[in-house]
Amino acid sequence: MKKIFMNKIFVSMALIIMLLGIIPPHVKAATTNPNSPELSVSFLNQDPDPAEPGNYFKVRSKVENIGLADANNIDLKIVPNYPFSLYQDSDTKTISSISARQKGSEAVYVDYNLKVDEKALPGAHQIDMMYRINNGAWTKIDSITANIKQHEVVVSLSSVSTTPESVKPGDKFNLKLNFENFANTPVKYLNVKLGLVSVFSSTTSVTVTELPFSPVSSSNEQTFELLNPGQQITAGFNLIVDSDAVSKVYKIPVTFSYNDPSNNNYTKQSYISIVVGDTPELTANIDSSEVYKTGMQGKITVKFVNKGLNDIKFLYAALNPAEDYTMLSPIQVYVGKVSSDDYQTIDYELFVKDTAKDKITLPLMLEYKDINNNEYVANVSLDVTLYSSSEAQKLGLEKQNLTFVYVIVLVLLVAGYFFYRGHRKKKKASAAANK
């Protein structure tokens, strides 16, 4: 029985403690007189929560009358200690009247607009409050707690540059990445890393992707111990482009991390672009020609050779008219793509006028783009040599005309035949006479 009695005592004490625990905080009775008003002032919230240094926020309190008499002419006063200050607001708010037992959803809500000092440290900070009734003595209530969080420390990759500005396969170049601290607090241990190699793992395989850039006399990672507010810092990397790199735009991931004064770590990733490309080397020449003297009509074949490392695309050729020939085919021809170490040909049909001399010149205008869409315009002149008939025959370009020779031979044969026949008749006649 004694044990049961002791257990009941412990249970009763526990219930009393729990009941005391749910009594609303920040409650201050004005008097113990049951016929007097009794105010309860409770802190509800702050907006935003938490607030940030240099910004504004609002605190809200709830005022209830849990007594049996009305409360009139109530003054509620806030005392904002550092790092808080009032923002376009009064420290004292007056409530004309709160009826007896006016509480819960019928309570009176009071707001204050506050500002956080720009140099405030993060954490929980206390704000004092008090009230009075009918200009009586001030009664202090429990302090309210407002929370401040540190500004998100913003470090940004502000600019990118390369020296030289354009790079081609096999080139060495310097890459500069400029970072700036936009926060009002310093950051520590700024670490910058170039993602030149990426590894992707799956359940079945591991894929390694390498960009065509390699560090030269340096690594792909740098660390800076301190970056003050508003300070800029440059991370420089010496790199070389692989000699067999394809000309195009490469995206390099840049990962950088840093710590704020509270040792909160921030990790961010940005992408930069490096354009790899070389000036195209396009040549044009006469591949073949059916025209080799004046008065001829024929086809001339033009060959375009890409001797560079870049592919050429959207090649467009236009043959301008001239006095020595007449165009019999379209002047403008779309050639298209010419791959590196490859060629394309086009044909022009024309008639060479008799006024032409020892050659005709074909003025071509070429328009094209490289793999990075840079535009190029080139003007080239291609010569087609003209020959006389005898020169053409000597060079084997045309066969000699033997018609006249054939006629003379035929005449000689006929004449010889008749001469032989007449001579034979005379011989026979002479022989007959001698008999």
Protein backbone atom coordinates (compact mmCIF):
# COMPACT_ATOMS: atom_id res chain seq x y z
CA MET A 1 0.00 0.00 0.00
CA LYS A 2 2.83 2.34 0.83
CA LYS A 3 4.38 1.69 -2.56
CA ILE A 4 1.07 2.47 -4.31
CA PHE A 5 0.72 5.69 -2.32
CA MET A 6 4.22 6.83 -3.33
CA ASN A 7 3.48 6.11 -6.98
CA LYS A 8 0.36 8.28 -6.79
CA ILE A 9 2.43 11.13 -5.34
CA PHE A 10 4.95 10.89 -8.18
CA VAL A 11 2.15 10.84 -10.78
CA SER A 12 0.51 13.88 -9.19
CA MET A 13 3.78 15.82 -9.19
CA ALA A 14 4.37 14.94 -12.82
CA LEU A 15 0.91 16.22 -13.77
CA ILE A 16 1.52 19.47 -11.88
CA ILE A 17 4.81 19.98 -13.73
CA MET A 18 3.14 19.31 -17.09
CA LEU A 19 0.37 21.78 -16.31
CA LEU A 20 2.89 24.41 -15.34
CA GLY A 21 4.72 23.76 -18.61
CA ILE A 22 1.71 24.67 -20.76
CA ILE A 23 1.06 28.02 -19.10
CA PRO A 24 1.51 30.62 -21.87
CA PRO A 25 4.89 32.41 -21.81
CA HIS A 26 5.36 36.14 -21.40
CA VAL A 27 2.36 36.46 -19.04
CA LYS A 28 2.40 39.10 -16.36
CA ALA A 29 -0.57 39.68 -14.03
CA ALA A 30 -1.38 43.25 -13.36
CA THR A 31 -2.86 42.55 -9.93
CA THR A 32 -4.11 39.74 -7.77
CA ASN A 33 -7.43 41.52 -7.23
CA PRO A 34 -10.05 39.29 -8.88
CA ASN A 35 -12.12 42.36 -9.83
CA SER A 36 -9.23 44.03 -11.66
CA PRO A 37 -8.09 43.59 -15.29
CA GLU A 38 -5.30 41.07 -15.83
CA LEU A 39 -3.26 41.43 -19.03
CA SER A 40 -1.38 38.66 -20.81
CA VAL A 41 1.10 39.75 -23.52
CA SER A 42 2.45 36.97 -25.72
CA PHE A 43 5.02 37.14 -28.53
CA LEU A 44 3.59 35.44 -31.61
CA ASN A 45 6.10 35.62 -34.45
CA GLN A 46 8.50 37.62 -36.56
CA ASP A 47 8.27 38.06 -40.33
CA PRO A 48 10.54 37.09 -41.95
CA ASP A 49 12.00 34.57 -39.60
CA PRO A 50 14.94 34.73 -39.46
CA ALA A 51 15.75 38.28 -40.52
CA GLU A 52 18.96 39.29 -42.28
CA PRO A 53 21.44 42.08 -41.47
CA GLY A 54 20.46 45.37 -43.09
CA ASN A 55 16.89 44.20 -43.76
CA TYR A 56 13.53 44.93 -42.16
CA PHE A 57 11.16 42.65 -40.29
CA LYS A 58 7.99 42.74 -38.25
CA VAL A 59 7.28 41.37 -34.75
CA ARG A 60 3.75 40.62 -33.61
CA SER A 61 2.44 40.32 -30.05
CA LYS A 62 -0.96 39.30 -28.74
CA VAL A 63 -2.55 41.23 -25.85
CA GLU A 64 -5.34 39.50 -23.87
CA ASN A 65 -7.35 40.47 -20.80
CA ILE A 66 -7.86 37.34 -18.74
CA GLY A 67 -9.23 39.33 -15.79
CA LEU A 68 -12.84 40.04 -14.75
CA ALA A 69 -12.70 43.81 -15.33
CA ASP A 70 -12.14 45.94 -18.42
CA ALA A 71 -8.68 47.36 -19.08
CA ASN A 72 -8.65 50.93 -20.44
CA ASN A 73 -5.97 53.20 -21.86
CA ILE A 74 -3.29 50.53 -22.29
CA ASP A 75 0.22 51.49 -23.48
CA LEU A 76 2.47 48.77 -24.92
CA LYS A 77 6.11 49.75 -25.32
CA ILE A 78 8.97 48.03 -27.12
CA VAL A 79 12.64 48.63 -26.27
CA PRO A 80 14.67 47.45 -29.32
CA ASN A 81 18.20 46.76 -28.11
CA TYR A 82 21.14 46.50 -30.53
CA PRO A 83 21.21 45.22 -33.23
CA PHE A 84 17.57 46.29 -33.66
CA SER A 85 16.02 49.72 -34.20
CA LEU A 86 12.55 50.98 -35.00
CA TYR A 87 11.81 51.52 -38.68
CA GLN A 88 9.20 54.21 -39.43
CA ASP A 89 7.28 53.23 -36.32
CA SER A 90 6.60 54.36 -32.74
CA ASP A 91 7.94 52.49 -29.73
CA THR A 92 4.63 52.89 -27.87
CA LYS A 93 1.27 51.66 -29.11
CA THR A 94 -1.94 52.62 -27.29
CA ILE A 95 -4.95 50.34 -26.96
CA SER A 96 -8.06 52.24 -25.88
CA SER A 97 -9.81 49.31 -24.20
CA ILE A 98 -9.78 45.55 -23.81
CA SER A 99 -12.90 44.02 -22.30
CA ALA A 100 -12.85 41.56 -19.48
CA ARG A 101 -12.12 38.01 -20.64
CA GLN A 102 -11.26 39.30 -24.13
CA LYS A 103 -8.83 36.66 -25.28
CA GLY A 104 -8.16 34.01 -27.91
CA SER A 105 -9.46 34.98 -31.33
CA GLU A 106 -10.80 38.25 -29.83
CA ALA A 107 -7.42 39.35 -28.53
CA VAL A 108 -5.71 42.54 -29.72
CA TYR A 109 -2.66 42.13 -31.99
CA VAL A 110 0.12 44.70 -31.99
CA ASP A 111 2.88 44.93 -34.68
CA TYR A 112 6.23 46.70 -34.65
CA ASN A 113 8.43 47.37 -37.67
CA LEU A 114 12.13 46.91 -36.95
CA LYS A 115 15.40 47.08 -38.82
CA VAL A 116 18.45 44.87 -38.34
CA ASP A 117 21.84 46.57 -38.23
CA GLU A 118 24.00 45.78 -41.27
CA LYS A 119 26.82 44.49 -39.06
CA ALA A 120 24.61 42.31 -36.87
CA LEU A 121 25.89 38.86 -36.07
CA PRO A 122 23.68 35.83 -36.64
CA GLY A 123 21.85 34.25 -33.73
CA ALA A 124 18.97 34.87 -31.29
CA HIS A 125 18.69 38.41 -29.87
CA GLN A 126 16.45 39.71 -27.06
CA ILE A 127 13.95 42.56 -27.32
CA ASP A 128 12.45 44.07 -24.14
CA MET A 129 8.75 44.97 -23.82
CA MET A 130 6.56 46.56 -21.10
CA TYR A 131 3.04 47.85 -20.62
CA ARG A 132 0.99 50.10 -18.36
CA ILE A 133 -2.67 50.73 -17.67
CA ASN A 134 -4.18 54.22 -17.20
CA ASN A 135 -0.76 55.87 -17.11
CA GLY A 136 0.23 53.75 -14.15
CA ALA A 137 3.60 52.20 -13.49
CA TRP A 138 5.29 50.31 -16.28
CA THR A 139 5.22 46.56 -15.97
CA LYS A 140 8.01 44.67 -17.71
CA ILE A 141 7.15 41.45 -19.44
CA ASP A 142 9.40 38.62 -20.53
CA SER A 143 11.78 39.57 -23.37
CA ILE A 144 10.94 38.34 -26.80
CA THR A 145 13.50 36.59 -29.02
CA ALA A 146 14.14 37.62 -32.62
CA ASN A 147 16.34 35.52 -34.89
CA ILE A 148 18.98 36.78 -37.32
CA LYS A 149 20.66 34.72 -39.98
CA GLN A 150 23.84 35.52 -41.82
CA HIS A 151 23.49 36.95 -45.31
CA GLU A 152 24.07 34.30 -47.92
CA VAL A 153 27.64 34.96 -48.86
CA VAL A 154 27.71 35.45 -52.60
CA VAL A 155 30.96 34.84 -54.44
CA SER A 156 30.56 34.93 -58.19
CA LEU A 157 32.64 34.12 -61.24
CA SER A 158 32.50 37.60 -62.74
CA SER A 159 34.60 37.34 -65.92
CA VAL A 160 36.67 34.96 -68.06
CA SER A 161 39.53 35.70 -70.45
CA THR A 162 42.16 33.80 -72.44
CA THR A 163 45.55 34.87 -73.78
CA PRO A 164 45.69 34.61 -76.73
CA GLU A 165 42.02 35.35 -77.29
CA SER A 166 41.57 32.56 -79.86
CA VAL A 167 43.32 29.21 -79.61
CA LYS A 168 43.91 26.42 -82.05
CA PRO A 169 44.97 22.77 -81.67
CA GLY A 170 48.46 22.52 -80.17
CA ASP A 171 48.42 26.08 -78.75
CA LYS A 172 49.38 27.00 -75.19
CA PHE A 173 47.23 29.64 -73.55
CA ASN A 174 46.54 31.29 -70.20
CA LEU A 175 43.06 31.12 -68.73
CA LYS A 176 42.05 33.77 -66.18
CA LEU A 177 38.97 33.43 -63.98
CA ASN A 178 37.97 36.52 -61.98
CA PHE A 179 35.97 36.02 -58.77
CA GLU A 180 34.30 38.73 -56.69
CA ASN A 181 32.93 38.69 -53.14
CA PHE A 182 29.57 40.52 -53.23
CA ALA A 183 28.85 39.97 -49.51
CA ASN A 184 29.62 42.35 -46.65
CA THR A 185 31.61 39.69 -44.85
CA PRO A 186 34.90 38.01 -45.80
CA VAL A 187 35.09 34.45 -47.07
CA LYS A 188 37.80 31.91 -46.40
CA TYR A 189 39.44 29.13 -48.37
CA LEU A 190 38.11 29.91 -51.83
CA ASN A 191 38.89 26.77 -53.83
CA VAL A 192 38.68 26.83 -57.65
CA LYS A 193 38.83 23.67 -59.76
CA LEU A 194 38.61 23.10 -63.53
CA GLY A 195 36.65 19.98 -64.51
CA LEU A 196 38.93 18.82 -67.31
CA VAL A 197 38.10 15.16 -66.63
CA SER A 198 34.65 13.90 -65.67
CA VAL A 199 33.78 10.40 -64.48
CA PHE A 200 30.26 9.03 -64.76
CA SER A 201 29.53 5.77 -62.98
CA SER A 202 26.51 3.55 -63.49
CA THR A 203 25.61 0.12 -62.25
CA THR A 204 27.12 -1.46 -65.34
CA SER A 205 29.97 0.78 -66.45
CA VAL A 206 32.23 3.74 -65.76
CA THR A 207 32.51 6.46 -68.40
CA VAL A 208 35.46 8.85 -68.38
CA THR A 209 35.24 12.02 -70.48
CA GLU A 210 38.36 14.10 -71.06
CA LEU A 211 38.33 17.59 -72.52
CA PRO A 212 41.21 18.38 -74.94
CA PHE A 213 42.98 20.66 -72.43
CA SER A 214 45.89 19.84 -70.12
CA PRO A 215 47.61 21.94 -67.41
CA VAL A 216 51.14 23.13 -68.19
CA SER A 217 53.49 23.82 -65.24
CA SER A 218 50.46 24.10 -62.97
CA SER A 219 47.48 22.09 -61.78
CA ASN A 220 43.78 22.41 -62.50
CA GLU A 221 43.06 23.61 -58.94
CA GLN A 222 43.85 26.73 -56.88
CA THR A 223 43.00 27.85 -53.33
CA PHE A 224 42.90 31.37 -51.86
CA GLU A 225 42.94 31.80 -48.09
CA LEU A 226 40.90 35.00 -47.78
CA LEU A 227 38.60 37.12 -49.96
CA ASN A 228 37.45 40.35 -48.30
CA PRO A 229 34.08 42.07 -48.94
CA GLY A 230 34.01 43.61 -52.42
CA GLN A 231 37.42 42.17 -53.27
CA GLN A 232 38.21 40.56 -56.60
CA ILE A 233 40.73 37.81 -57.14
CA THR A 234 42.05 36.08 -60.26
CA ALA A 235 42.70 32.37 -60.66
CA GLY A 236 45.11 31.78 -63.54
CA PHE A 237 45.71 28.46 -65.32
CA ASN A 238 48.31 27.63 -67.99
CA LEU A 239 46.80 25.13 -70.42
CA ILE A 240 47.59 23.50 -73.74
CA VAL A 241 45.14 22.33 -76.40
CA ASP A 242 45.52 18.77 -77.65
CA SER A 243 47.03 18.72 -81.13
CA ASP A 244 44.19 16.53 -82.44
CA ALA A 245 41.41 18.58 -80.84
CA VAL A 246 38.34 19.06 -82.99
CA SER A 247 37.59 22.70 -83.72
CA LYS A 248 34.46 23.67 -81.82
CA VAL A 249 33.22 25.32 -78.61
CA TYR A 250 34.13 23.41 -75.43
CA LYS A 251 32.31 23.91 -72.12
CA ILE A 252 34.51 23.55 -69.03
CA PRO A 253 32.81 23.12 -65.63
CA VAL A 254 34.33 25.35 -62.95
CA THR A 255 33.61 24.25 -59.36
CA PHE A 256 34.38 26.69 -56.55
CA SER A 257 33.73 26.47 -52.83
CA TYR A 258 34.30 28.74 -49.82
CA ASN A 259 33.41 29.25 -46.14
CA ASP A 260 31.67 32.21 -44.49
CA PRO A 261 32.70 33.57 -41.04
CA SER A 262 30.43 31.01 -39.38
CA ASN A 263 32.23 28.22 -41.28
CA ASN A 264 29.18 27.48 -43.40
CA ASN A 265 30.40 25.93 -46.62
CA TYR A 266 29.15 26.98 -50.05
CA THR A 267 29.83 25.03 -53.24
CA LYS A 268 28.87 26.32 -56.67
CA GLN A 269 29.46 25.33 -60.27
CA SER A 270 29.66 27.53 -63.35
CA TYR A 271 30.47 26.77 -66.98
CA ILE A 272 32.90 28.64 -69.18
CA SER A 273 33.39 28.25 -72.93
CA ILE A 274 36.67 27.93 -74.82
CA VAL A 275 36.55 28.28 -78.61
CA VAL A 276 39.07 26.10 -80.40
CA GLY A 277 39.52 26.81 -84.08
CA ASP A 278 41.97 27.67 -86.83
CA THR A 279 41.65 29.90 -89.88
CA PRO A 280 40.40 27.78 -92.79
CA GLU A 281 42.83 27.13 -95.64
CA LEU A 282 40.70 26.92 -98.78
CA THR A 283 42.31 26.84 -102.23
CA ALA A 284 40.70 26.85 -105.68
CA ASN A 285 42.18 25.72 -109.00
CA ILE A 286 41.18 24.58 -112.49
CA ASP A 287 40.80 20.81 -112.35
CA SER A 288 40.01 20.28 -116.05
CA SER A 289 38.80 22.21 -119.07
CA GLU A 290 37.15 21.25 -122.34
CA VAL A 291 37.93 24.71 -123.67
CA TYR A 292 41.43 25.37 -125.00
CA LYS A 293 41.03 27.85 -127.87
CA THR A 294 38.79 30.63 -129.02
CA GLY A 295 35.41 29.90 -130.52
CA MET A 296 34.94 26.80 -128.35
CA GLN A 297 32.10 25.86 -126.03
CA GLY A 298 32.74 23.48 -123.18
CA LYS A 299 32.83 22.63 -119.50
CA ILE A 300 35.41 23.95 -117.03
CA THR A 301 35.76 22.07 -113.70
CA VAL A 302 36.88 24.02 -110.61
CA LYS A 303 38.27 22.14 -107.59
CA PHE A 304 38.09 23.48 -104.00
CA VAL A 305 40.60 21.94 -101.58
CA ASN A 306 40.44 22.32 -97.77
CA LYS A 307 44.04 22.15 -96.56
CA GLY A 308 43.28 23.30 -93.00
CA LEU A 309 42.34 21.56 -89.75
CA ASN A 310 38.84 23.03 -89.72
CA ASP A 311 35.88 21.84 -91.71
CA ILE A 312 34.41 24.43 -94.04
CA LYS A 313 30.66 24.68 -94.45
CA PHE A 314 28.14 26.62 -96.50
CA LEU A 315 30.62 27.23 -99.34
CA TYR A 316 29.05 29.37 -102.04
CA ALA A 317 30.82 30.25 -105.32
CA ALA A 318 29.89 32.97 -107.78
CA LEU A 319 31.61 33.37 -111.21
CA ASN A 320 31.43 36.95 -112.36
CA PRO A 321 30.85 37.59 -116.10
CA ALA A 322 33.71 38.85 -118.30
CA GLU A 323 34.17 40.13 -121.89
CA ASP A 324 36.10 37.07 -123.12
CA TYR A 325 33.39 34.48 -122.54
CA THR A 326 29.67 33.94 -122.32
CA MET A 327 28.21 31.99 -119.40
CA LEU A 328 25.98 29.07 -120.41
CA SER A 329 25.38 27.73 -116.86
CA PRO A 330 24.27 29.38 -113.59
CA ILE A 331 26.69 32.01 -112.30
CA GLN A 332 26.08 31.17 -108.63
CA VAL A 333 26.69 27.64 -107.33
CA TYR A 334 26.20 26.26 -103.80
CA VAL A 335 29.03 23.85 -102.98
CA GLY A 336 28.22 23.03 -99.33
CA LYS A 337 30.61 21.37 -96.89
CA VAL A 338 34.30 20.74 -97.55
CA SER A 339 35.81 18.56 -94.83
CA SER A 340 39.37 18.96 -93.61
CA ASP A 341 41.88 17.34 -96.02
CA ASP A 342 39.16 16.88 -98.65
CA TYR A 343 37.87 18.60 -101.80
CA GLN A 344 34.74 19.38 -103.82
CA THR A 345 34.32 20.25 -107.52
CA ILE A 346 31.83 22.29 -109.54
CA ASP A 347 31.34 22.72 -113.29
CA TYR A 348 30.81 25.86 -115.35
CA GLU A 349 29.64 25.73 -119.00
CA LEU A 350 30.80 28.64 -121.14
CA PHE A 351 31.62 29.80 -124.68
CA VAL A 352 34.98 31.47 -125.44
CA LYS A 353 34.64 34.44 -127.74
CA ASP A 354 36.92 34.98 -130.74
CA THR A 355 38.13 38.21 -129.15
CA ALA A 356 39.89 36.30 -126.39
CA LYS A 357 43.69 36.31 -126.43
CA ASP A 358 46.00 33.67 -125.00
CA LYS A 359 43.91 33.08 -121.86
CA ILE A 360 40.63 33.79 -120.12
CA THR A 361 40.43 34.73 -116.45
CA LEU A 362 37.61 33.41 -114.23
CA PRO A 363 36.98 35.81 -111.31
CA LEU A 364 35.40 33.78 -108.46
CA MET A 365 33.90 35.16 -105.26
CA LEU A 366 33.78 32.58 -102.43
CA GLU A 367 31.69 32.83 -99.26
CA TYR A 368 31.87 30.22 -96.47
CA LYS A 369 31.91 29.62 -92.72
CA ASP A 370 34.19 27.70 -90.42
CA ILE A 371 33.05 25.19 -87.81
CA ASN A 372 32.48 28.01 -85.29
CA ASN A 373 30.29 29.95 -87.74
CA ASN A 374 32.87 32.65 -88.44
CA GLU A 375 32.20 34.07 -91.90
CA TYR A 376 34.82 34.43 -94.65
CA VAL A 377 34.78 36.06 -98.09
CA ALA A 378 37.56 35.45 -100.63
CA ASN A 379 38.10 36.56 -104.22
CA VAL A 380 40.23 34.35 -106.46
CA SER A 381 41.14 34.53 -110.15
CA LEU A 382 41.67 31.34 -112.13
CA ASP A 383 43.31 31.38 -115.59
CA VAL A 384 42.44 29.06 -118.47
CA THR A 385 45.15 29.02 -121.17
CA LEU A 386 44.11 29.26 -124.82
CA TYR A 387 46.13 27.82 -127.74
CA SER A 388 46.27 28.13 -131.49
CA SER A 389 45.25 25.12 -133.58
CA SER A 390 48.82 24.13 -134.26
CA GLU A 391 49.75 24.45 -130.60
CA ALA A 392 46.73 22.42 -129.64
CA GLN A 393 47.71 19.72 -132.13
CA LYS A 394 51.26 19.63 -130.80
CA LEU A 395 50.00 19.29 -127.27
CA GLY A 396 47.64 16.52 -128.34
CA LEU A 397 44.59 18.52 -127.39
CA GLU A 398 43.13 17.99 -130.89
CA LYS A 399 43.98 15.85 -133.91
CA GLN A 400 45.44 17.33 -137.14
CA ASN A 401 42.94 17.85 -140.00
CA LEU A 402 44.15 15.42 -142.84
CA THR A 403 41.30 16.00 -145.31
CA PHE A 404 43.44 18.09 -147.68
CA VAL A 405 46.21 15.50 -147.60
CA TYR A 406 43.72 12.78 -148.36
CA VAL A 407 42.42 14.75 -151.39
CA ILE A 408 45.92 15.31 -152.77
CA VAL A 409 46.81 11.66 -152.34
CA LEU A 410 43.57 10.67 -154.02
CA VAL A 411 44.27 13.04 -156.93
CA LEU A 412 47.79 11.66 -157.28
CA LEU A 413 46.50 8.11 -157.22
CA VAL A 414 43.91 8.86 -159.90
CA ALA A 415 46.46 10.70 -162.00
CA GLY A 416 48.96 7.89 -161.58
CA TYR A 417 46.35 5.39 -162.54
CA PHE A 418 45.48 7.19 -165.75
CA PHE A 419 49.16 7.79 -166.53
CA TYR A 420 49.92 4.14 -166.03
CA ARG A 421 46.97 3.13 -168.16
CA GLY A 422 47.93 5.51 -171.02
CA HIS A 423 51.56 4.43 -170.85
CA ARG A 424 50.51 0.78 -171.07
CA LYS A 425 48.32 1.43 -174.08
CA LYS A 426 51.18 3.20 -175.86
CA LYS A 427 53.48 0.33 -175.10
CA LYS A 428 51.04 -2.20 -176.53
CA ALA A 429 50.51 -0.06 -179.63
CA SER A 430 54.28 0.23 -180.20
CA ALA A 431 54.70 -3.52 -179.84
CA ALA A 432 51.99 -4.17 -182.39
CA ALA A 433 53.58 -1.78 -184.88
CA ASN A 434 57.00 -3.51 -184.64
CA LYS A 435 55.49 -6.82 -185.70
